[in-house]
Amino acid sequence: MAASTEVKIYPKPKKVCKAVAREIRKMTEGSPRPRFDIALSGGNTPKKLFKILAKKHKDTMPWEHIHFWWGDERCVSPISDESNFKMTNDFLFSHVPVPSKNIHRIKGENPPGEEAKRYAAEMDKNLNHRDDVPVFDLIILGLGDDGHTASIFPDQLEIFEENRNCVATKHPITGQNRITLTGRVLNNASRVFFLVTGENKSMRVSEIMNNDEAAKLLPAYYIEPKNGSLIWFIDEPASSKIT
């Protein structure tokens, strides 16, 4: 874990998500640019975040200036319950006045390799660049029980050396096709927030925070924005094994 990493610990998941929602509101309100590009994550903790944004910040966020992207997506229909887009649409977009043109979804119904190329081209066309790599104002990431993040799994660490900005991957156990941003994009963001809750994540969190040798096998260990900031928002159960 980089020395510049910040760690914020809260009693429970709802407190974590409230804190992240406040940070997003402050960043989007105070952004000097006319648009703010954010890449979202799937999972239960982001679902709680989206509910809070929709309920508490519906009238205070500059939705017309925020553009939404995804760090990864399952190769499923956008109406599938496994779709990260569908979850976000159900719990956030359908409740707030975000323009449809501001929603840049990964089209999981398309052939994976073709969609990875299409999404990379869409990022290239719309985002600012740093060192010829697209720049997100904020990327939200989760942490899997196995240490994966986005859809980069422990047997796929080469994706952090990948020259492309978006690639197709497979879940190592289920074989499900996924599409993910690569390490070069994840680590080129201006800010990265990890949202991690639950005791089942505590061992992976501990390994990463303590720079254990085991952490070097975990994709999440390699998230280090080279020109930005990294903040871990975690609850007390997830932090319980940090020494």
C-alpha atoms as a PDB file:
ATOM      1  CA  MET A   1       0.000   0.000   0.000  1.00  0.00           C
ATOM      2  CA  ALA A   2       1.356   3.415  -0.992  1.00  0.00           C
ATOM      3  CA  ALA A   3       2.453   5.753   1.786  1.00  0.00           C
ATOM      4  CA  SER A   4       0.069   8.430   0.465  1.00  0.00           C
ATOM      5  CA  THR A   5      -2.993   6.232   0.907  1.00  0.00           C
ATOM      6  CA  GLU A   6      -5.675   7.514   3.266  1.00  0.00           C
ATOM      7  CA  VAL A   7      -7.851   5.144   5.299  1.00  0.00           C
ATOM      8  CA  LYS A   8     -11.174   6.172   6.819  1.00  0.00           C
ATOM      9  CA  ILE A   9     -12.958   3.766   9.155  1.00  0.00           C
ATOM     10  CA  TYR A  10     -16.641   4.001  10.115  1.00  0.00           C
ATOM     11  CA  PRO A  11     -18.798   1.918  12.471  1.00  0.00           C
ATOM     12  CA  LYS A  12     -21.066   0.378   9.839  1.00  0.00           C
ATOM     13  CA  PRO A  13     -21.761   0.293   6.068  1.00  0.00           C
ATOM     14  CA  LYS A  14     -24.391   3.035   6.125  1.00  0.00           C
ATOM     15  CA  LYS A  15     -21.889   5.447   7.705  1.00  0.00           C
ATOM     16  CA  VAL A  16     -19.333   4.513   5.041  1.00  0.00           C
ATOM     17  CA  CYS A  17     -21.795   5.260   2.259  1.00  0.00           C
ATOM     18  CA  LYS A  18     -22.999   8.511   3.808  1.00  0.00           C
ATOM     19  CA  ALA A  19     -19.391   9.717   4.001  1.00  0.00           C
ATOM     20  CA  VAL A  20     -18.711   8.812   0.371  1.00  0.00           C
ATOM     21  CA  ALA A  21     -21.940  10.484  -0.760  1.00  0.00           C
ATOM     22  CA  ARG A  22     -20.892  13.697   0.995  1.00  0.00           C
ATOM     23  CA  GLU A  23     -17.465  13.544  -0.689  1.00  0.00           C
ATOM     24  CA  ILE A  24     -19.030  13.090  -4.124  1.00  0.00           C
ATOM     25  CA  ARG A  25     -21.386  16.003  -3.559  1.00  0.00           C
ATOM     26  CA  LYS A  26     -18.505  18.259  -2.488  1.00  0.00           C
ATOM     27  CA  MET A  27     -16.351  17.233  -5.446  1.00  0.00           C
ATOM     28  CA  THR A  28     -19.061  17.704  -8.045  1.00  0.00           C
ATOM     29  CA  GLU A  29     -20.226  21.024  -6.617  1.00  0.00           C
ATOM     30  CA  GLY A  30     -16.693  22.366  -6.389  1.00  0.00           C
ATOM     31  CA  SER A  31     -15.333  21.051  -9.679  1.00  0.00           C
ATOM     32  CA  PRO A  32     -13.788  23.839 -11.809  1.00  0.00           C
ATOM     33  CA  ARG A  33     -14.596  21.854 -14.955  1.00  0.00           C
ATOM     34  CA  PRO A  34     -18.031  21.914 -16.615  1.00  0.00           C
ATOM     35  CA  ARG A  35     -18.255  18.118 -16.316  1.00  0.00           C
ATOM     36  CA  PHE A  36     -17.292  15.458 -13.789  1.00  0.00           C
ATOM     37  CA  ASP A  37     -16.553  11.917 -14.963  1.00  0.00           C
ATOM     38  CA  ILE A  38     -17.049   9.104 -12.480  1.00  0.00           C
ATOM     39  CA  ALA A  39     -16.652   5.342 -12.976  1.00  0.00           C
ATOM     40  CA  LEU A  40     -18.937   3.255 -10.795  1.00  0.00           C
ATOM     41  CA  SER A  41     -18.727  -0.178  -9.219  1.00  0.00           C
ATOM     42  CA  GLY A  42     -21.297  -2.916  -8.717  1.00  0.00           C
ATOM     43  CA  GLY A  43     -21.999  -4.724  -5.468  1.00  0.00           C
ATOM     44  CA  ASN A  44     -24.056  -4.369  -2.304  1.00  0.00           C
ATOM     45  CA  THR A  45     -22.091  -1.483  -0.784  1.00  0.00           C
ATOM     46  CA  PRO A  46     -22.429   0.743  -3.894  1.00  0.00           C
ATOM     47  CA  LYS A  47     -26.141  -0.114  -3.885  1.00  0.00           C
ATOM     48  CA  LYS A  48     -26.367   1.473  -0.426  1.00  0.00           C
ATOM     49  CA  LEU A  49     -24.417   4.475  -1.712  1.00  0.00           C
ATOM     50  CA  PHE A  50     -26.795   4.926  -4.658  1.00  0.00           C
ATOM     51  CA  LYS A  51     -29.814   4.788  -2.362  1.00  0.00           C
ATOM     52  CA  ILE A  52     -28.309   7.570  -0.200  1.00  0.00           C
ATOM     53  CA  LEU A  53     -27.420   9.719  -3.207  1.00  0.00           C
ATOM     54  CA  ALA A  54     -30.960   9.357  -4.553  1.00  0.00           C
ATOM     55  CA  LYS A  55     -32.642  10.073  -1.212  1.00  0.00           C
ATOM     56  CA  LYS A  56     -30.384  12.647   0.427  1.00  0.00           C
ATOM     57  CA  HIS A  57     -28.697  14.418  -2.493  1.00  0.00           C
ATOM     58  CA  LYS A  58     -31.254  14.364  -5.290  1.00  0.00           C
ATOM     59  CA  ASP A  59     -31.731  18.132  -5.112  1.00  0.00           C
ATOM     60  CA  THR A  60     -28.159  19.153  -4.244  1.00  0.00           C
ATOM     61  CA  MET A  61     -26.068  17.411  -6.916  1.00  0.00           C
ATOM     62  CA  PRO A  62     -25.362  19.024 -10.314  1.00  0.00           C
ATOM     63  CA  TRP A  63     -26.618  15.955 -12.178  1.00  0.00           C
ATOM     64  CA  GLU A  64     -26.490  17.635 -15.578  1.00  0.00           C
ATOM     65  CA  HIS A  65     -22.689  17.996 -15.226  1.00  0.00           C
ATOM     66  CA  ILE A  66     -21.924  14.466 -13.994  1.00  0.00           C
ATOM     67  CA  HIS A  67     -21.094  11.726 -16.507  1.00  0.00           C
ATOM     68  CA  PHE A  68     -21.385   8.143 -15.316  1.00  0.00           C
ATOM     69  CA  TRP A  69     -19.212   5.255 -16.482  1.00  0.00           C
ATOM     70  CA  TRP A  70     -18.375   1.802 -15.094  1.00  0.00           C
ATOM     71  CA  GLY A  71     -15.146   0.196 -14.005  1.00  0.00           C
ATOM     72  CA  ASP A  72     -16.452  -3.183 -15.131  1.00  0.00           C
ATOM     73  CA  GLU A  73     -19.536  -5.030 -16.254  1.00  0.00           C
ATOM     74  CA  ARG A  74     -20.778  -8.589 -16.597  1.00  0.00           C
ATOM     75  CA  CYS A  75     -21.532  -9.688 -20.156  1.00  0.00           C
ATOM     76  CA  VAL A  76     -25.274  -9.873 -19.645  1.00  0.00           C
ATOM     77  CA  SER A  77     -28.355  -8.012 -20.848  1.00  0.00           C
ATOM     78  CA  PRO A  78     -28.922  -4.537 -19.321  1.00  0.00           C
ATOM     79  CA  ILE A  79     -32.173  -5.870 -17.842  1.00  0.00           C
ATOM     80  CA  SER A  80     -30.445  -8.818 -16.148  1.00  0.00           C
ATOM     81  CA  ASP A  81     -30.309  -8.771 -12.358  1.00  0.00           C
ATOM     82  CA  GLU A  82     -26.561  -9.434 -12.703  1.00  0.00           C
ATOM     83  CA  SER A  83     -26.012  -6.190 -14.620  1.00  0.00           C
ATOM     84  CA  ASN A  84     -24.125  -3.416 -12.813  1.00  0.00           C
ATOM     85  CA  PHE A  85     -25.939  -0.938 -15.041  1.00  0.00           C
ATOM     86  CA  LYS A  86     -29.361  -2.282 -14.062  1.00  0.00           C
ATOM     87  CA  MET A  87     -28.535  -2.049 -10.366  1.00  0.00           C
ATOM     88  CA  THR A  88     -27.412   1.568 -10.771  1.00  0.00           C
ATOM     89  CA  ASN A  89     -30.436   2.409 -12.876  1.00  0.00           C
ATOM     90  CA  ASP A  90     -32.828   0.834 -10.355  1.00  0.00           C
ATOM     91  CA  PHE A  91     -31.378   2.527  -7.287  1.00  0.00           C
ATOM     92  CA  LEU A  92     -29.995   5.820  -8.653  1.00  0.00           C
ATOM     93  CA  PHE A  93     -30.754   6.905 -12.215  1.00  0.00           C
ATOM     94  CA  SER A  94     -34.492   6.246 -12.025  1.00  0.00           C
ATOM     95  CA  HIS A  95     -34.717   8.555  -8.999  1.00  0.00           C
ATOM     96  CA  VAL A  96     -32.575  11.559 -10.020  1.00  0.00           C
ATOM     97  CA  PRO A  97     -32.614  14.006 -12.974  1.00  0.00           C
ATOM     98  CA  VAL A  98     -29.459  12.762 -14.738  1.00  0.00           C
ATOM     99  CA  PRO A  99     -29.621  13.258 -18.534  1.00  0.00           C
ATOM    100  CA  SER A 100     -29.538  10.000 -20.492  1.00  0.00           C
ATOM    101  CA  LYS A 101     -26.647  11.333 -22.600  1.00  0.00           C
ATOM    102  CA  ASN A 102     -24.545  11.430 -19.419  1.00  0.00           C
ATOM    103  CA  ILE A 103     -24.837   7.669 -18.897  1.00  0.00           C
ATOM    104  CA  HIS A 104     -22.076   5.721 -20.634  1.00  0.00           C
ATOM    105  CA  ARG A 105     -22.855   2.074 -20.014  1.00  0.00           C
ATOM    106  CA  ILE A 106     -20.776  -0.921 -20.980  1.00  0.00           C
ATOM    107  CA  LYS A 107     -23.009  -2.886 -23.346  1.00  0.00           C
ATOM    108  CA  GLY A 108     -22.730  -6.318 -21.807  1.00  0.00           C
ATOM    109  CA  GLU A 109     -25.004  -7.814 -24.439  1.00  0.00           C
ATOM    110  CA  ASN A 110     -22.380  -7.203 -27.155  1.00  0.00           C
ATOM    111  CA  PRO A 111     -19.549  -9.644 -27.994  1.00  0.00           C
ATOM    112  CA  PRO A 112     -16.964  -9.057 -25.205  1.00  0.00           C
ATOM    113  CA  GLY A 113     -13.903  -8.277 -27.337  1.00  0.00           C
ATOM    114  CA  GLU A 114     -15.824  -5.921 -29.611  1.00  0.00           C
ATOM    115  CA  GLU A 115     -17.450  -4.132 -26.682  1.00  0.00           C
ATOM    116  CA  ALA A 116     -14.114  -3.658 -24.913  1.00  0.00           C
ATOM    117  CA  LYS A 117     -12.825  -1.892 -28.049  1.00  0.00           C
ATOM    118  CA  ARG A 118     -16.009   0.178 -28.405  1.00  0.00           C
ATOM    119  CA  TYR A 119     -15.956   1.293 -24.753  1.00  0.00           C
ATOM    120  CA  ALA A 120     -12.267   2.184 -24.954  1.00  0.00           C
ATOM    121  CA  ALA A 121     -13.025   4.333 -28.001  1.00  0.00           C
ATOM    122  CA  GLU A 122     -15.890   6.051 -26.162  1.00  0.00           C
ATOM    123  CA  MET A 123     -13.561   6.872 -23.275  1.00  0.00           C
ATOM    124  CA  ASP A 124     -10.913   8.167 -25.676  1.00  0.00           C
ATOM    125  CA  LYS A 125     -13.445  10.428 -27.357  1.00  0.00           C
ATOM    126  CA  ASN A 126     -15.051  11.888 -24.216  1.00  0.00           C
ATOM    127  CA  LEU A 127     -12.474  12.005 -21.432  1.00  0.00           C
ATOM    128  CA  ASN A 128      -9.511  14.245 -20.768  1.00  0.00           C
ATOM    129  CA  HIS A 129      -6.134  12.530 -21.115  1.00  0.00           C
ATOM    130  CA  ARG A 130      -2.944  12.417 -19.084  1.00  0.00           C
ATOM    131  CA  ASP A 131       0.054  10.779 -20.759  1.00  0.00           C
ATOM    132  CA  ASP A 132      -2.305   9.680 -23.560  1.00  0.00           C
ATOM    133  CA  VAL A 133      -4.445   7.718 -21.092  1.00  0.00           C
ATOM    134  CA  PRO A 134      -8.072   8.688 -20.232  1.00  0.00           C
ATOM    135  CA  VAL A 135      -8.547  10.423 -16.884  1.00  0.00           C
ATOM    136  CA  PHE A 136     -11.532   9.894 -14.607  1.00  0.00           C
ATOM    137  CA  ASP A 137     -12.223  12.505 -11.938  1.00  0.00           C
ATOM    138  CA  LEU A 138     -13.246   9.660  -9.635  1.00  0.00           C
ATOM    139  CA  ILE A 139     -13.249   5.868  -9.812  1.00  0.00           C
ATOM    140  CA  ILE A 140     -15.168   3.896  -7.190  1.00  0.00           C
ATOM    141  CA  LEU A 141     -13.879   0.374  -6.592  1.00  0.00           C
ATOM    142  CA  GLY A 142     -14.898  -2.564  -4.471  1.00  0.00           C
ATOM    143  CA  LEU A 143     -12.872  -5.446  -3.067  1.00  0.00           C
ATOM    144  CA  GLY A 144     -13.801  -9.081  -3.607  1.00  0.00           C
ATOM    145  CA  ASP A 145     -13.259 -11.819  -1.044  1.00  0.00           C
ATOM    146  CA  ASP A 146     -10.423 -13.036  -3.277  1.00  0.00           C
ATOM    147  CA  GLY A 147      -8.819  -9.586  -3.528  1.00  0.00           C
ATOM    148  CA  HIS A 148     -10.115  -8.811  -7.015  1.00  0.00           C
ATOM    149  CA  THR A 149     -11.183  -5.330  -7.995  1.00  0.00           C
ATOM    150  CA  ALA A 150     -13.144  -4.159 -11.046  1.00  0.00           C
ATOM    151  CA  SER A 151     -13.069  -7.447 -13.027  1.00  0.00           C
ATOM    152  CA  ILE A 152      -9.354  -8.059 -12.581  1.00  0.00           C
ATOM    153  CA  PHE A 153      -8.919 -11.356 -10.753  1.00  0.00           C
ATOM    154  CA  PRO A 154      -5.872 -12.787  -8.931  1.00  0.00           C
ATOM    155  CA  ASP A 155      -4.781 -14.871 -11.929  1.00  0.00           C
ATOM    156  CA  GLN A 156      -4.964 -11.833 -14.226  1.00  0.00           C
ATOM    157  CA  LEU A 157      -2.380  -9.426 -12.783  1.00  0.00           C
ATOM    158  CA  GLU A 158      -0.983  -8.909 -16.292  1.00  0.00           C
ATOM    159  CA  ILE A 159      -3.938  -6.584 -16.870  1.00  0.00           C
ATOM    160  CA  PHE A 160      -1.996  -4.006 -14.845  1.00  0.00           C
ATOM    161  CA  GLU A 161       0.668  -4.081 -17.593  1.00  0.00           C
ATOM    162  CA  GLU A 162      -1.881  -4.052 -20.425  1.00  0.00           C
ATOM    163  CA  ASN A 163      -1.482  -1.355 -23.114  1.00  0.00           C
ATOM    164  CA  ARG A 164      -5.189  -1.281 -23.896  1.00  0.00           C
ATOM    165  CA  ASN A 165      -7.621   0.765 -21.798  1.00  0.00           C
ATOM    166  CA  CYS A 166     -10.417  -1.791 -21.652  1.00  0.00           C
ATOM    167  CA  VAL A 167     -10.330  -5.578 -22.063  1.00  0.00           C
ATOM    168  CA  ALA A 168     -12.541  -8.656 -21.866  1.00  0.00           C
ATOM    169  CA  THR A 169     -11.895 -11.017 -18.941  1.00  0.00           C
ATOM    170  CA  LYS A 170     -13.430 -14.165 -17.468  1.00  0.00           C
ATOM    171  CA  HIS A 171     -14.384 -14.970 -13.904  1.00  0.00           C
ATOM    172  CA  PRO A 172     -11.874 -17.676 -12.917  1.00  0.00           C
ATOM    173  CA  ILE A 173     -14.479 -19.951 -11.285  1.00  0.00           C
ATOM    174  CA  THR A 174     -17.742 -19.406 -13.168  1.00  0.00           C
ATOM    175  CA  GLY A 175     -16.163 -18.613 -16.536  1.00  0.00           C
ATOM    176  CA  GLN A 176     -18.569 -15.687 -16.926  1.00  0.00           C
ATOM    177  CA  ASN A 177     -17.374 -13.114 -19.452  1.00  0.00           C
ATOM    178  CA  ARG A 178     -16.647  -9.669 -18.072  1.00  0.00           C
ATOM    179  CA  ILE A 179     -15.393  -6.346 -19.398  1.00  0.00           C
ATOM    180  CA  THR A 180     -13.057  -4.233 -17.283  1.00  0.00           C
ATOM    181  CA  LEU A 181     -10.990  -1.091 -17.312  1.00  0.00           C
ATOM    182  CA  THR A 182      -7.299  -1.929 -17.177  1.00  0.00           C
ATOM    183  CA  GLY A 183      -4.689  -0.942 -14.625  1.00  0.00           C
ATOM    184  CA  ARG A 184      -3.372   1.933 -16.721  1.00  0.00           C
ATOM    185  CA  VAL A 185      -6.793   3.643 -16.595  1.00  0.00           C
ATOM    186  CA  LEU A 186      -7.570   2.759 -12.973  1.00  0.00           C
ATOM    187  CA  ASN A 187      -4.209   4.167 -11.860  1.00  0.00           C
ATOM    188  CA  ASN A 188      -4.534   7.299 -13.995  1.00  0.00           C
ATOM    189  CA  ALA A 189      -7.610   8.599 -12.156  1.00  0.00           C
ATOM    190  CA  SER A 190      -7.513  11.846 -10.210  1.00  0.00           C
ATOM    191  CA  ARG A 191      -9.151  10.055  -7.256  1.00  0.00           C
ATOM    192  CA  VAL A 192      -9.890   6.449  -6.400  1.00  0.00           C
ATOM    193  CA  PHE A 193     -12.257   5.470  -3.588  1.00  0.00           C
ATOM    194  CA  PHE A 194     -12.361   1.907  -2.303  1.00  0.00           C
ATOM    195  CA  LEU A 195     -15.668   1.042  -0.599  1.00  0.00           C
ATOM    196  CA  VAL A 196     -15.192  -2.044   1.556  1.00  0.00           C
ATOM    197  CA  THR A 197     -17.574  -3.363   4.200  1.00  0.00           C
ATOM    198  CA  GLY A 198     -18.011  -6.624   6.075  1.00  0.00           C
ATOM    199  CA  GLU A 199     -15.857  -8.980   8.115  1.00  0.00           C
ATOM    200  CA  ASN A 200     -15.524 -11.306   5.110  1.00  0.00           C
ATOM    201  CA  LYS A 201     -13.213  -8.671   3.571  1.00  0.00           C
ATOM    202  CA  SER A 202     -11.081  -8.216   6.694  1.00  0.00           C
ATOM    203  CA  MET A 203      -8.282 -10.649   5.777  1.00  0.00           C
ATOM    204  CA  ARG A 204      -7.731  -9.097   2.343  1.00  0.00           C
ATOM    205  CA  VAL A 205      -7.862  -5.588   3.831  1.00  0.00           C
ATOM    206  CA  SER A 206      -5.323  -6.593   6.475  1.00  0.00           C
ATOM    207  CA  GLU A 207      -2.934  -8.099   3.911  1.00  0.00           C
ATOM    208  CA  ILE A 208      -3.053  -4.956   1.778  1.00  0.00           C
ATOM    209  CA  MET A 209      -2.812  -2.463   4.637  1.00  0.00           C
ATOM    210  CA  ASN A 210       0.070  -4.354   6.260  1.00  0.00           C
ATOM    211  CA  ASN A 211       1.934  -4.837   2.972  1.00  0.00           C
ATOM    212  CA  ASP A 212       2.004  -8.583   3.590  1.00  0.00           C
ATOM    213  CA  GLU A 213       3.734 -10.763   1.038  1.00  0.00           C
ATOM    214  CA  ALA A 214       0.333 -12.370   0.339  1.00  0.00           C
ATOM    215  CA  ALA A 215      -0.990  -8.995  -0.806  1.00  0.00           C
ATOM    216  CA  LYS A 216       1.225  -9.132  -3.894  1.00  0.00           C
ATOM    217  CA  LEU A 217      -1.134 -11.763  -5.305  1.00  0.00           C
ATOM    218  CA  LEU A 218      -4.162  -9.464  -4.954  1.00  0.00           C
ATOM    219  CA  PRO A 219      -5.224  -7.134  -7.792  1.00  0.00           C
ATOM    220  CA  ALA A 220      -6.465  -4.512  -5.320  1.00  0.00           C
ATOM    221  CA  TYR A 221      -2.916  -4.186  -3.970  1.00  0.00           C
ATOM    222  CA  TYR A 222      -1.828  -2.688  -7.290  1.00  0.00           C
ATOM    223  CA  ILE A 223      -4.254   0.235  -7.252  1.00  0.00           C
ATOM    224  CA  GLU A 224      -1.939   3.227  -6.788  1.00  0.00           C
ATOM    225  CA  PRO A 225      -2.997   6.371  -8.678  1.00  0.00           C
ATOM    226  CA  LYS A 226       0.252   7.808  -9.983  1.00  0.00           C
ATOM    227  CA  ASN A 227      -1.090  11.377 -10.239  1.00  0.00           C
ATOM    228  CA  GLY A 228      -4.045  11.203  -7.880  1.00  0.00           C
ATOM    229  CA  SER A 229      -5.268  10.258  -4.437  1.00  0.00           C
ATOM    230  CA  LEU A 230      -6.438   6.927  -3.015  1.00  0.00           C
ATOM    231  CA  ILE A 231      -8.867   6.730  -0.098  1.00  0.00           C
ATOM    232  CA  TRP A 232     -10.174   3.536   1.509  1.00  0.00           C
ATOM    233  CA  PHE A 233     -13.615   3.934   3.093  1.00  0.00           C
ATOM    234  CA  ILE A 234     -14.136   0.855   5.262  1.00  0.00           C
ATOM    235  CA  ASP A 235     -16.313  -0.226   8.148  1.00  0.00           C
ATOM    236  CA  GLU A 236     -15.068  -1.564  11.477  1.00  0.00           C
ATOM    237  CA  PRO A 237     -15.701  -5.261  10.666  1.00  0.00           C
ATOM    238  CA  ALA A 238     -13.621  -4.948   7.471  1.00  0.00           C
ATOM    239  CA  SER A 239     -10.823  -3.251   9.419  1.00  0.00           C
ATOM    240  CA  SER A 240     -10.842  -5.723  12.312  1.00  0.00           C
ATOM    241  CA  LYS A 241      -7.681  -7.601  11.316  1.00  0.00           C
ATOM    242  CA  ILE A 242      -5.475  -4.586  10.551  1.00  0.00           C
ATOM    243  CA  THR A 243      -2.443  -4.602  12.877  1.00  0.00           C
END
